[in-house]
Amino acid sequence: MTQPQLAHQTNAGRMYSRSLSGLPEVPSITTVIGQQHMDLSGWASHMATTQLITDTRLTESVGSPAKLKTLARQSNDAAVRYRDDAAARGDRVHNYAEQVALRALGKPHSLADTREVLAEHNESGFADRFDEWWENFQVKPLAAEITVWNHTVGYAGTLDLVAEIGGRVCLIDYKTRGTDRSGRVKSLSPNVVMQLAAGYKAEESLVDAEAGTWEEWAYGQDVMLLGVAVGETEVVAYQANPQSLPQHWQKFWALRQVWEYQQAVDTAATPLQPIGPPVGLPQ
């Protein structure tokens, strides 16, 4: 996936500037959503245990505390490695999807190269299924990887695709997903609705990153919001239920306030200071 030109990694998370020469001003959509605490301790423990019991060195390590300690330490990193590997795979799949859209838009693209990269990682199935979905849904792209900005709430982000499908303009967010035991692509997290709602509520879209030129957001009315789960066995598109959008938008707004107050707390004076007993009391 193309790195958004105006995105910056900061101590406050990913933030966006108004131009290439500008300073970061507002948090990204994903940074705002990330303010929601998610307890992944159970998943991390499961990944560590799975890694340990499937390690071929386990049998020969039984009876050796030193070897078992080494295996346990390496197993504890299993969740981190899985997360990083999944993120890298997601980037490769997103990059391919972007090139498909650029080709359809008649713009320069590197479709062959991105497909070859997927093949090198034994991930061609993602490209094959995506091509089938693109053809079956007769996707007509309008814009790919478009950066948007909301001044009123204070955030920015980059949408994967704006396209026409079945006569409707759609805002689309891709999520690369694994396959369950029945061979179906895994479902999406409800958080994708917050992400889509934030894109829908944008006020401007980027025209020229170097010059810092923006224009009024053209797709904030009468659009369909789609989360698309891209897997090796199938691609499934989910529509964000219009009746649930107000609640998800309100939640996103609240998380944006959490992010702002967290920055205020982080830059405030030391919250706790040690004190001694009152003067005159025995020490």
C-alpha atoms as a PDB file:
ATOM      1  CA  MET A   1       0.000   0.000   0.000  1.00  0.00           C
ATOM      2  CA  THR A   2       1.329   3.435  -0.930  1.00  0.00           C
ATOM      3  CA  GLN A   3       2.414   5.360   2.152  1.00  0.00           C
ATOM      4  CA  PRO A   4       0.199   8.459   2.413  1.00  0.00           C
ATOM      5  CA  GLN A   5       2.439  11.417   1.574  1.00  0.00           C
ATOM      6  CA  LEU A   6       1.211  13.598   4.407  1.00  0.00           C
ATOM      7  CA  ALA A   7       1.257  10.950   7.157  1.00  0.00           C
ATOM      8  CA  HIS A   8       3.878  11.121   9.911  1.00  0.00           C
ATOM      9  CA  GLN A   9       4.741   8.748  12.745  1.00  0.00           C
ATOM     10  CA  THR A  10       4.932  10.728  15.993  1.00  0.00           C
ATOM     11  CA  ASN A  11       4.936  10.080  19.722  1.00  0.00           C
ATOM     12  CA  ALA A  12       1.205  10.838  19.620  1.00  0.00           C
ATOM     13  CA  GLY A  13       0.604   8.208  16.940  1.00  0.00           C
ATOM     14  CA  ARG A  14       0.203   8.661  13.216  1.00  0.00           C
ATOM     15  CA  MET A  15      -0.634  12.253  12.302  1.00  0.00           C
ATOM     16  CA  TYR A  16      -1.264  14.227   9.134  1.00  0.00           C
ATOM     17  CA  SER A  17       0.068  17.536   7.856  1.00  0.00           C
ATOM     18  CA  ARG A  18      -1.572  19.833   5.321  1.00  0.00           C
ATOM     19  CA  SER A  19       1.372  19.758   2.887  1.00  0.00           C
ATOM     20  CA  LEU A  20       4.737  18.085   2.414  1.00  0.00           C
ATOM     21  CA  SER A  21       6.452  21.038   4.096  1.00  0.00           C
ATOM     22  CA  GLY A  22       3.887  21.315   6.901  1.00  0.00           C
ATOM     23  CA  LEU A  23       4.039  19.988  10.436  1.00  0.00           C
ATOM     24  CA  PRO A  24       1.709  17.225  11.712  1.00  0.00           C
ATOM     25  CA  GLU A  25      -1.568  18.772  12.863  1.00  0.00           C
ATOM     26  CA  VAL A  26      -4.260  16.134  13.412  1.00  0.00           C
ATOM     27  CA  PRO A  27      -4.354  12.413  14.253  1.00  0.00           C
ATOM     28  CA  SER A  28      -5.139   9.783  11.671  1.00  0.00           C
ATOM     29  CA  ILE A  29      -8.427   7.919  11.677  1.00  0.00           C
ATOM     30  CA  THR A  30      -6.692   4.703  12.746  1.00  0.00           C
ATOM     31  CA  THR A  31      -4.853   6.498  15.564  1.00  0.00           C
ATOM     32  CA  VAL A  32      -8.171   7.783  16.904  1.00  0.00           C
ATOM     33  CA  ILE A  33      -9.773   4.328  16.739  1.00  0.00           C
ATOM     34  CA  GLY A  34      -6.685   2.937  18.463  1.00  0.00           C
ATOM     35  CA  GLN A  35      -7.598   4.877  21.615  1.00  0.00           C
ATOM     36  CA  GLN A  36     -10.121   2.122  22.312  1.00  0.00           C
ATOM     37  CA  HIS A  37      -8.534  -0.379  24.674  1.00  0.00           C
ATOM     38  CA  MET A  38      -8.575  -3.948  23.436  1.00  0.00           C
ATOM     39  CA  ASP A  39      -7.540  -6.774  25.753  1.00  0.00           C
ATOM     40  CA  LEU A  40      -5.405  -9.078  23.625  1.00  0.00           C
ATOM     41  CA  SER A  41      -3.768 -10.903  26.529  1.00  0.00           C
ATOM     42  CA  GLY A  42      -5.818 -14.057  25.906  1.00  0.00           C
ATOM     43  CA  TRP A  43      -4.914 -14.095  22.224  1.00  0.00           C
ATOM     44  CA  ALA A  44      -1.243 -13.472  23.008  1.00  0.00           C
ATOM     45  CA  SER A  45      -1.231 -16.352  25.494  1.00  0.00           C
ATOM     46  CA  HIS A  46      -2.894 -18.638  22.946  1.00  0.00           C
ATOM     47  CA  MET A  47      -0.312 -17.730  20.301  1.00  0.00           C
ATOM     48  CA  ALA A  48       2.567 -18.324  22.731  1.00  0.00           C
ATOM     49  CA  THR A  49       1.171 -21.701  23.830  1.00  0.00           C
ATOM     50  CA  THR A  50       0.524 -22.802  20.252  1.00  0.00           C
ATOM     51  CA  GLN A  51       4.035 -21.815  19.256  1.00  0.00           C
ATOM     52  CA  LEU A  52       5.510 -23.761  22.174  1.00  0.00           C
ATOM     53  CA  ILE A  53       3.588 -27.031  21.745  1.00  0.00           C
ATOM     54  CA  THR A  54       4.262 -27.124  18.001  1.00  0.00           C
ATOM     55  CA  ASP A  55       7.981 -26.393  18.323  1.00  0.00           C
ATOM     56  CA  THR A  56       9.926 -29.437  17.130  1.00  0.00           C
ATOM     57  CA  ARG A  57      12.586 -28.753  19.773  1.00  0.00           C
ATOM     58  CA  LEU A  58      10.162 -29.257  22.679  1.00  0.00           C
ATOM     59  CA  THR A  59      10.683 -33.002  23.062  1.00  0.00           C
ATOM     60  CA  GLU A  60      14.459 -32.771  23.257  1.00  0.00           C
ATOM     61  CA  SER A  61      14.206 -29.848  25.675  1.00  0.00           C
ATOM     62  CA  VAL A  62      12.203 -31.737  28.308  1.00  0.00           C
ATOM     63  CA  GLY A  63      14.375 -32.136  31.394  1.00  0.00           C
ATOM     64  CA  SER A  64      16.586 -29.184  30.507  1.00  0.00           C
ATOM     65  CA  PRO A  65      15.505 -25.993  32.316  1.00  0.00           C
ATOM     66  CA  ALA A  66      17.858 -23.895  30.201  1.00  0.00           C
ATOM     67  CA  LYS A  67      16.470 -25.163  26.894  1.00  0.00           C
ATOM     68  CA  LEU A  68      12.867 -24.880  28.099  1.00  0.00           C
ATOM     69  CA  LYS A  69      13.528 -21.312  29.195  1.00  0.00           C
ATOM     70  CA  THR A  70      14.859 -20.501  25.722  1.00  0.00           C
ATOM     71  CA  LEU A  71      11.781 -21.998  24.051  1.00  0.00           C
ATOM     72  CA  ALA A  72       9.450 -20.132  26.403  1.00  0.00           C
ATOM     73  CA  ARG A  73      11.177 -16.825  25.718  1.00  0.00           C
ATOM     74  CA  GLN A  74      10.947 -17.330  21.952  1.00  0.00           C
ATOM     75  CA  SER A  75       7.306 -18.444  22.209  1.00  0.00           C
ATOM     76  CA  ASN A  76       6.389 -15.267  24.082  1.00  0.00           C
ATOM     77  CA  ASP A  77       7.226 -13.317  20.934  1.00  0.00           C
ATOM     78  CA  ALA A  78       4.864 -15.381  18.770  1.00  0.00           C
ATOM     79  CA  ALA A  79       1.994 -12.870  18.923  1.00  0.00           C
ATOM     80  CA  VAL A  80       4.286  -9.994  17.952  1.00  0.00           C
ATOM     81  CA  ARG A  81       5.733 -11.946  15.050  1.00  0.00           C
ATOM     82  CA  TYR A  82       2.264 -12.968  13.883  1.00  0.00           C
ATOM     83  CA  ARG A  83       1.061  -9.364  14.073  1.00  0.00           C
ATOM     84  CA  ASP A  84       4.062  -8.071  12.131  1.00  0.00           C
ATOM     85  CA  ASP A  85       3.763 -10.799   9.496  1.00  0.00           C
ATOM     86  CA  ALA A  86       0.035 -10.107   9.094  1.00  0.00           C
ATOM     87  CA  ALA A  87       0.698  -6.379   8.729  1.00  0.00           C
ATOM     88  CA  ALA A  88       3.325  -6.992   6.032  1.00  0.00           C
ATOM     89  CA  ARG A  89       0.952  -9.341   4.196  1.00  0.00           C
ATOM     90  CA  GLY A  90      -1.809  -6.739   4.438  1.00  0.00           C
ATOM     91  CA  ASP A  91       0.472  -4.133   2.891  1.00  0.00           C
ATOM     92  CA  ARG A  92       1.261  -6.431  -0.020  1.00  0.00           C
ATOM     93  CA  VAL A  93      -2.409  -7.211  -0.670  1.00  0.00           C
ATOM     94  CA  HIS A  94      -3.445  -3.549  -0.332  1.00  0.00           C
ATOM     95  CA  ASN A  95      -0.699  -2.562  -2.723  1.00  0.00           C
ATOM     96  CA  TYR A  96      -1.985  -5.031  -5.300  1.00  0.00           C
ATOM     97  CA  ALA A  97      -5.554  -3.761  -4.893  1.00  0.00           C
ATOM     98  CA  GLU A  98      -4.358  -0.198  -5.371  1.00  0.00           C
ATOM     99  CA  GLN A  99      -2.526  -1.102  -8.585  1.00  0.00           C
ATOM    100  CA  VAL A 100      -5.672  -2.768  -9.952  1.00  0.00           C
ATOM    101  CA  ALA A 101      -7.550   0.496  -9.397  1.00  0.00           C
ATOM    102  CA  LEU A 102      -4.783   2.627 -10.904  1.00  0.00           C
ATOM    103  CA  ARG A 103      -4.755   0.486 -14.027  1.00  0.00           C
ATOM    104  CA  ALA A 104      -8.532   0.827 -14.362  1.00  0.00           C
ATOM    105  CA  LEU A 105      -8.183   4.603 -13.945  1.00  0.00           C
ATOM    106  CA  GLY A 106      -5.638   4.735 -16.764  1.00  0.00           C
ATOM    107  CA  LYS A 107      -2.869   5.887 -14.430  1.00  0.00           C
ATOM    108  CA  PRO A 108       0.717   4.606 -14.097  1.00  0.00           C
ATOM    109  CA  HIS A 109       0.792   1.358 -12.137  1.00  0.00           C
ATOM    110  CA  SER A 110       3.022  -1.558 -11.169  1.00  0.00           C
ATOM    111  CA  LEU A 111       0.411  -4.307 -11.200  1.00  0.00           C
ATOM    112  CA  ALA A 112       2.707  -7.029 -12.557  1.00  0.00           C
ATOM    113  CA  ASP A 113       5.364  -6.289  -9.958  1.00  0.00           C
ATOM    114  CA  THR A 114       2.952  -6.346  -7.024  1.00  0.00           C
ATOM    115  CA  ARG A 115       1.458  -9.631  -8.192  1.00  0.00           C
ATOM    116  CA  GLU A 116       4.950 -11.098  -8.459  1.00  0.00           C
ATOM    117  CA  VAL A 117       5.691 -10.014  -4.885  1.00  0.00           C
ATOM    118  CA  LEU A 118       2.575 -11.841  -3.710  1.00  0.00           C
ATOM    119  CA  ALA A 119       3.664 -14.939  -5.635  1.00  0.00           C
ATOM    120  CA  GLU A 120       7.075 -14.827  -3.958  1.00  0.00           C
ATOM    121  CA  HIS A 121       5.307 -15.058  -0.592  1.00  0.00           C
ATOM    122  CA  ASN A 122       2.895 -17.802  -1.766  1.00  0.00           C
ATOM    123  CA  GLU A 123       0.021 -15.313  -1.553  1.00  0.00           C
ATOM    124  CA  SER A 124      -1.232 -15.344  -5.140  1.00  0.00           C
ATOM    125  CA  GLY A 125      -4.598 -16.590  -3.889  1.00  0.00           C
ATOM    126  CA  PHE A 126      -5.340 -13.143  -2.483  1.00  0.00           C
ATOM    127  CA  ALA A 127      -4.786 -11.570  -5.907  1.00  0.00           C
ATOM    128  CA  ASP A 128      -6.822 -14.242  -7.695  1.00  0.00           C
ATOM    129  CA  ARG A 129      -9.810 -13.849  -5.379  1.00  0.00           C
ATOM    130  CA  PHE A 130      -9.567 -10.076  -5.512  1.00  0.00           C
ATOM    131  CA  ASP A 131      -9.609 -10.126  -9.320  1.00  0.00           C
ATOM    132  CA  GLU A 132     -12.732 -12.313  -9.236  1.00  0.00           C
ATOM    133  CA  TRP A 133     -14.466  -9.942  -6.814  1.00  0.00           C
ATOM    134  CA  TRP A 134     -13.507  -6.895  -8.907  1.00  0.00           C
ATOM    135  CA  GLU A 135     -14.958  -8.528 -12.014  1.00  0.00           C
ATOM    136  CA  ASN A 136     -18.096  -9.915 -10.349  1.00  0.00           C
ATOM    137  CA  PHE A 137     -18.970  -6.580  -8.717  1.00  0.00           C
ATOM    138  CA  GLN A 138     -18.036  -4.655 -11.876  1.00  0.00           C
ATOM    139  CA  VAL A 139     -16.082  -2.107  -9.854  1.00  0.00           C
ATOM    140  CA  LYS A 140     -15.601   1.259 -11.563  1.00  0.00           C
ATOM    141  CA  PRO A 141     -12.973   3.179  -9.567  1.00  0.00           C
ATOM    142  CA  LEU A 142     -13.275   6.924  -9.093  1.00  0.00           C
ATOM    143  CA  ALA A 143     -10.277   7.484  -6.813  1.00  0.00           C
ATOM    144  CA  ALA A 144      -7.695   5.255  -5.119  1.00  0.00           C
ATOM    145  CA  GLU A 145      -5.830   5.981  -1.869  1.00  0.00           C
ATOM    146  CA  ILE A 146      -7.457   9.375  -1.424  1.00  0.00           C
ATOM    147  CA  THR A 147      -6.495  11.448   1.633  1.00  0.00           C
ATOM    148  CA  VAL A 148      -9.303  13.287   3.429  1.00  0.00           C
ATOM    149  CA  TRP A 149      -9.500  15.870   6.224  1.00  0.00           C
ATOM    150  CA  ASN A 150     -12.093  16.937   8.791  1.00  0.00           C
ATOM    151  CA  HIS A 151     -11.473  20.353  10.372  1.00  0.00           C
ATOM    152  CA  THR A 152     -14.493  20.383  12.672  1.00  0.00           C
ATOM    153  CA  VAL A 153     -13.495  17.301  14.686  1.00  0.00           C
ATOM    154  CA  GLY A 154      -9.815  17.369  13.798  1.00  0.00           C
ATOM    155  CA  TYR A 155      -8.584  14.256  12.002  1.00  0.00           C
ATOM    156  CA  ALA A 156      -7.403  13.008   8.626  1.00  0.00           C
ATOM    157  CA  GLY A 157      -7.020   9.669   6.891  1.00  0.00           C
ATOM    158  CA  THR A 158      -6.608   7.856   3.605  1.00  0.00           C
ATOM    159  CA  LEU A 159      -9.435   5.852   2.041  1.00  0.00           C
ATOM    160  CA  ASP A 160      -8.560   2.730   0.062  1.00  0.00           C
ATOM    161  CA  LEU A 161     -11.024   3.308  -2.755  1.00  0.00           C
ATOM    162  CA  VAL A 162     -13.948   5.365  -3.968  1.00  0.00           C
ATOM    163  CA  ALA A 163     -15.797   3.479  -6.702  1.00  0.00           C
ATOM    164  CA  GLU A 164     -19.112   3.068  -8.448  1.00  0.00           C
ATOM    165  CA  ILE A 165     -20.724  -0.342  -7.999  1.00  0.00           C
ATOM    166  CA  GLY A 166     -24.183  -1.144  -9.313  1.00  0.00           C
ATOM    167  CA  GLY A 167     -24.876   2.534  -9.955  1.00  0.00           C
ATOM    168  CA  ARG A 168     -23.982   3.539  -6.348  1.00  0.00           C
ATOM    169  CA  VAL A 169     -20.938   5.488  -5.226  1.00  0.00           C
ATOM    170  CA  CYS A 170     -19.132   3.451  -2.555  1.00  0.00           C
ATOM    171  CA  LEU A 171     -16.454   4.302  -0.006  1.00  0.00           C
ATOM    172  CA  ILE A 172     -14.396   1.135   0.401  1.00  0.00           C
ATOM    173  CA  ASP A 173     -11.933  -0.083   2.989  1.00  0.00           C
ATOM    174  CA  TYR A 174     -10.022  -3.323   2.378  1.00  0.00           C
ATOM    175  CA  LYS A 175      -9.090  -5.671   5.209  1.00  0.00           C
ATOM    176  CA  THR A 176      -6.831  -8.634   4.519  1.00  0.00           C
ATOM    177  CA  ARG A 177      -8.226 -11.555   6.488  1.00  0.00           C
ATOM    178  CA  GLY A 178      -7.240 -15.129   7.188  1.00  0.00           C
ATOM    179  CA  THR A 179      -9.261 -18.268   6.514  1.00  0.00           C
ATOM    180  CA  ASP A 180     -11.307 -20.148   9.115  1.00  0.00           C
ATOM    181  CA  ARG A 181     -11.521 -23.919   9.526  1.00  0.00           C
ATOM    182  CA  SER A 182     -14.379 -24.173   7.054  1.00  0.00           C
ATOM    183  CA  GLY A 183     -12.373 -22.454   4.345  1.00  0.00           C
ATOM    184  CA  ARG A 184     -14.247 -19.149   4.557  1.00  0.00           C
ATOM    185  CA  VAL A 185     -12.635 -15.746   4.884  1.00  0.00           C
ATOM    186  CA  LYS A 186     -12.849 -14.455   8.441  1.00  0.00           C
ATOM    187  CA  SER A 187     -15.343 -11.682   9.145  1.00  0.00           C
ATOM    188  CA  LEU A 188     -14.524  -8.027   9.788  1.00  0.00           C
ATOM    189  CA  SER A 189     -14.286  -6.187  13.080  1.00  0.00           C
ATOM    190  CA  PRO A 190     -17.164  -3.744  13.715  1.00  0.00           C
ATOM    191  CA  ASN A 191     -14.465  -1.064  14.058  1.00  0.00           C
ATOM    192  CA  VAL A 192     -14.384  -0.873  10.266  1.00  0.00           C
ATOM    193  CA  VAL A 193     -17.726   0.944  10.495  1.00  0.00           C
ATOM    194  CA  MET A 194     -16.088   3.700  12.563  1.00  0.00           C
ATOM    195  CA  GLN A 195     -13.338   3.953   9.979  1.00  0.00           C
ATOM    196  CA  LEU A 196     -15.813   4.222   7.116  1.00  0.00           C
ATOM    197  CA  ALA A 197     -18.004   6.699   9.000  1.00  0.00           C
ATOM    198  CA  ALA A 198     -14.990   8.938   9.591  1.00  0.00           C
ATOM    199  CA  GLY A 199     -14.196   8.876   5.876  1.00  0.00           C
ATOM    200  CA  TYR A 200     -17.802   9.645   5.026  1.00  0.00           C
ATOM    201  CA  LYS A 201     -17.734  12.649   7.400  1.00  0.00           C
ATOM    202  CA  ALA A 202     -14.665  14.164   5.718  1.00  0.00           C
ATOM    203  CA  GLU A 203     -14.814  17.809   4.691  1.00  0.00           C
ATOM    204  CA  GLU A 204     -11.910  18.015   2.243  1.00  0.00           C
ATOM    205  CA  SER A 205      -9.838  15.752   0.016  1.00  0.00           C
ATOM    206  CA  LEU A 206      -6.242  16.214  -1.068  1.00  0.00           C
ATOM    207  CA  VAL A 207      -5.463  17.537  -4.534  1.00  0.00           C
ATOM    208  CA  ASP A 208      -1.724  18.286  -4.388  1.00  0.00           C
ATOM    209  CA  ALA A 209       0.430  17.179  -1.450  1.00  0.00           C
ATOM    210  CA  GLU A 210       3.430  19.331  -2.330  1.00  0.00           C
ATOM    211  CA  ALA A 211       1.433  22.530  -2.728  1.00  0.00           C
ATOM    212  CA  GLY A 212      -0.952  21.647   0.080  1.00  0.00           C
ATOM    213  CA  THR A 213      -3.998  22.080  -2.142  1.00  0.00           C
ATOM    214  CA  TRP A 214      -7.331  20.652  -0.989  1.00  0.00           C
ATOM    215  CA  GLU A 215     -10.858  20.680  -2.339  1.00  0.00           C
ATOM    216  CA  GLU A 216     -14.321  20.159  -0.884  1.00  0.00           C
ATOM    217  CA  TRP A 217     -15.090  16.502  -0.199  1.00  0.00           C
ATOM    218  CA  ALA A 218     -17.241  15.265  -3.059  1.00  0.00           C
ATOM    219  CA  TYR A 219     -18.456  11.973  -1.569  1.00  0.00           C
ATOM    220  CA  GLY A 220     -20.171  12.883   1.683  1.00  0.00           C
ATOM    221  CA  GLN A 221     -23.726  12.377   0.455  1.00  0.00           C
ATOM    222  CA  ASP A 222     -25.711   9.404  -0.817  1.00  0.00           C
ATOM    223  CA  VAL A 223     -22.887   6.869  -0.714  1.00  0.00           C
ATOM    224  CA  MET A 224     -22.641   3.248   0.365  1.00  0.00           C
ATOM    225  CA  LEU A 225     -19.957   2.305   2.890  1.00  0.00           C
ATOM    226  CA  LEU A 226     -18.308  -1.058   2.246  1.00  0.00           C
ATOM    227  CA  GLY A 227     -15.804  -3.055   4.247  1.00  0.00           C
ATOM    228  CA  VAL A 228     -14.212  -5.678   2.017  1.00  0.00           C
ATOM    229  CA  ALA A 229     -12.633  -8.779   3.572  1.00  0.00           C
ATOM    230  CA  VAL A 230      -9.944 -10.036   1.187  1.00  0.00           C
ATOM    231  CA  GLY A 231      -8.927 -13.660   1.740  1.00  0.00           C
ATOM    232  CA  GLU A 232      -7.177 -16.453  -0.104  1.00  0.00           C
ATOM    233  CA  THR A 233     -10.377 -18.443  -0.638  1.00  0.00           C
ATOM    234  CA  GLU A 234     -12.884 -15.656  -1.213  1.00  0.00           C
ATOM    235  CA  VAL A 235     -13.583 -11.935  -0.953  1.00  0.00           C
ATOM    236  CA  VAL A 236     -16.673 -10.816   0.947  1.00  0.00           C
ATOM    237  CA  ALA A 237     -18.060  -7.279   0.908  1.00  0.00           C
ATOM    238  CA  TYR A 238     -20.002  -5.989   3.927  1.00  0.00           C
ATOM    239  CA  GLN A 239     -22.194  -2.908   3.895  1.00  0.00           C
ATOM    240  CA  ALA A 240     -22.090  -0.684   6.960  1.00  0.00           C
ATOM    241  CA  ASN A 241     -25.653  -0.637   8.251  1.00  0.00           C
ATOM    242  CA  PRO A 242     -26.905   2.954   7.757  1.00  0.00           C
ATOM    243  CA  GLN A 243     -28.949   2.684  10.965  1.00  0.00           C
ATOM    244  CA  SER A 244     -25.787   2.060  13.005  1.00  0.00           C
ATOM    245  CA  LEU A 245     -23.722   4.916  11.559  1.00  0.00           C
ATOM    246  CA  PRO A 246     -24.807   7.614  14.067  1.00  0.00           C
ATOM    247  CA  GLN A 247     -23.699   5.470  17.012  1.00  0.00           C
ATOM    248  CA  HIS A 248     -20.372   4.556  15.434  1.00  0.00           C
ATOM    249  CA  TRP A 249     -19.740   8.164  14.463  1.00  0.00           C
ATOM    250  CA  GLN A 250     -20.490   9.273  18.029  1.00  0.00           C
ATOM    251  CA  LYS A 251     -18.060   6.673  19.343  1.00  0.00           C
ATOM    252  CA  PHE A 252     -15.376   7.888  16.937  1.00  0.00           C
ATOM    253  CA  TRP A 253     -15.988  11.480  18.058  1.00  0.00           C
ATOM    254  CA  ALA A 254     -15.612  10.422  21.706  1.00  0.00           C
ATOM    255  CA  LEU A 255     -12.353   8.580  20.964  1.00  0.00           C
ATOM    256  CA  ARG A 256     -11.062  11.722  19.264  1.00  0.00           C
ATOM    257  CA  GLN A 257     -11.659  13.607  22.535  1.00  0.00           C
ATOM    258  CA  VAL A 258      -9.812  10.843  24.410  1.00  0.00           C
ATOM    259  CA  TRP A 259      -6.819  11.300  22.095  1.00  0.00           C
ATOM    260  CA  GLU A 260      -6.790  15.069  22.645  1.00  0.00           C
ATOM    261  CA  TYR A 261      -7.015  14.877  26.426  1.00  0.00           C
ATOM    262  CA  GLN A 262      -4.358  12.177  26.489  1.00  0.00           C
ATOM    263  CA  GLN A 263      -1.970  14.571  24.739  1.00  0.00           C
ATOM    264  CA  ALA A 264      -2.818  17.224  27.309  1.00  0.00           C
ATOM    265  CA  VAL A 265      -2.123  14.802  30.157  1.00  0.00           C
ATOM    266  CA  ASP A 266       1.148  13.637  28.596  1.00  0.00           C
ATOM    267  CA  THR A 267       2.457  17.215  28.357  1.00  0.00           C
ATOM    268  CA  ALA A 268       1.138  18.388  31.727  1.00  0.00           C
ATOM    269  CA  ALA A 269       3.209  18.776  34.879  1.00  0.00           C
ATOM    270  CA  THR A 270       4.155  15.705  36.902  1.00  0.00           C
ATOM    271  CA  PRO A 271       0.809  14.400  38.223  1.00  0.00           C
ATOM    272  CA  LEU A 272       2.106  13.041  41.542  1.00  0.00           C
ATOM    273  CA  GLN A 273       4.719  14.539  43.852  1.00  0.00           C
ATOM    274  CA  PRO A 274       6.021  13.018  47.091  1.00  0.00           C
ATOM    275  CA  ILE A 275       5.563  15.082  50.265  1.00  0.00           C
ATOM    276  CA  GLY A 276       6.850  14.755  53.787  1.00  0.00           C
ATOM    277  CA  PRO A 277       4.943  14.966  57.087  1.00  0.00           C
ATOM    278  CA  PRO A 278       3.753  18.366  58.360  1.00  0.00           C
ATOM    279  CA  VAL A 279       6.405  20.545  59.985  1.00  0.00           C
ATOM    280  CA  GLY A 280       6.757  19.905  63.720  1.00  0.00           C
ATOM    281  CA  LEU A 281       5.604  16.269  63.695  1.00  0.00           C
ATOM    282  CA  PRO A 282       8.078  13.528  64.714  1.00  0.00           C
ATOM    283  CA  GLN A 283      10.063  12.279  61.771  1.00  0.00           C
END
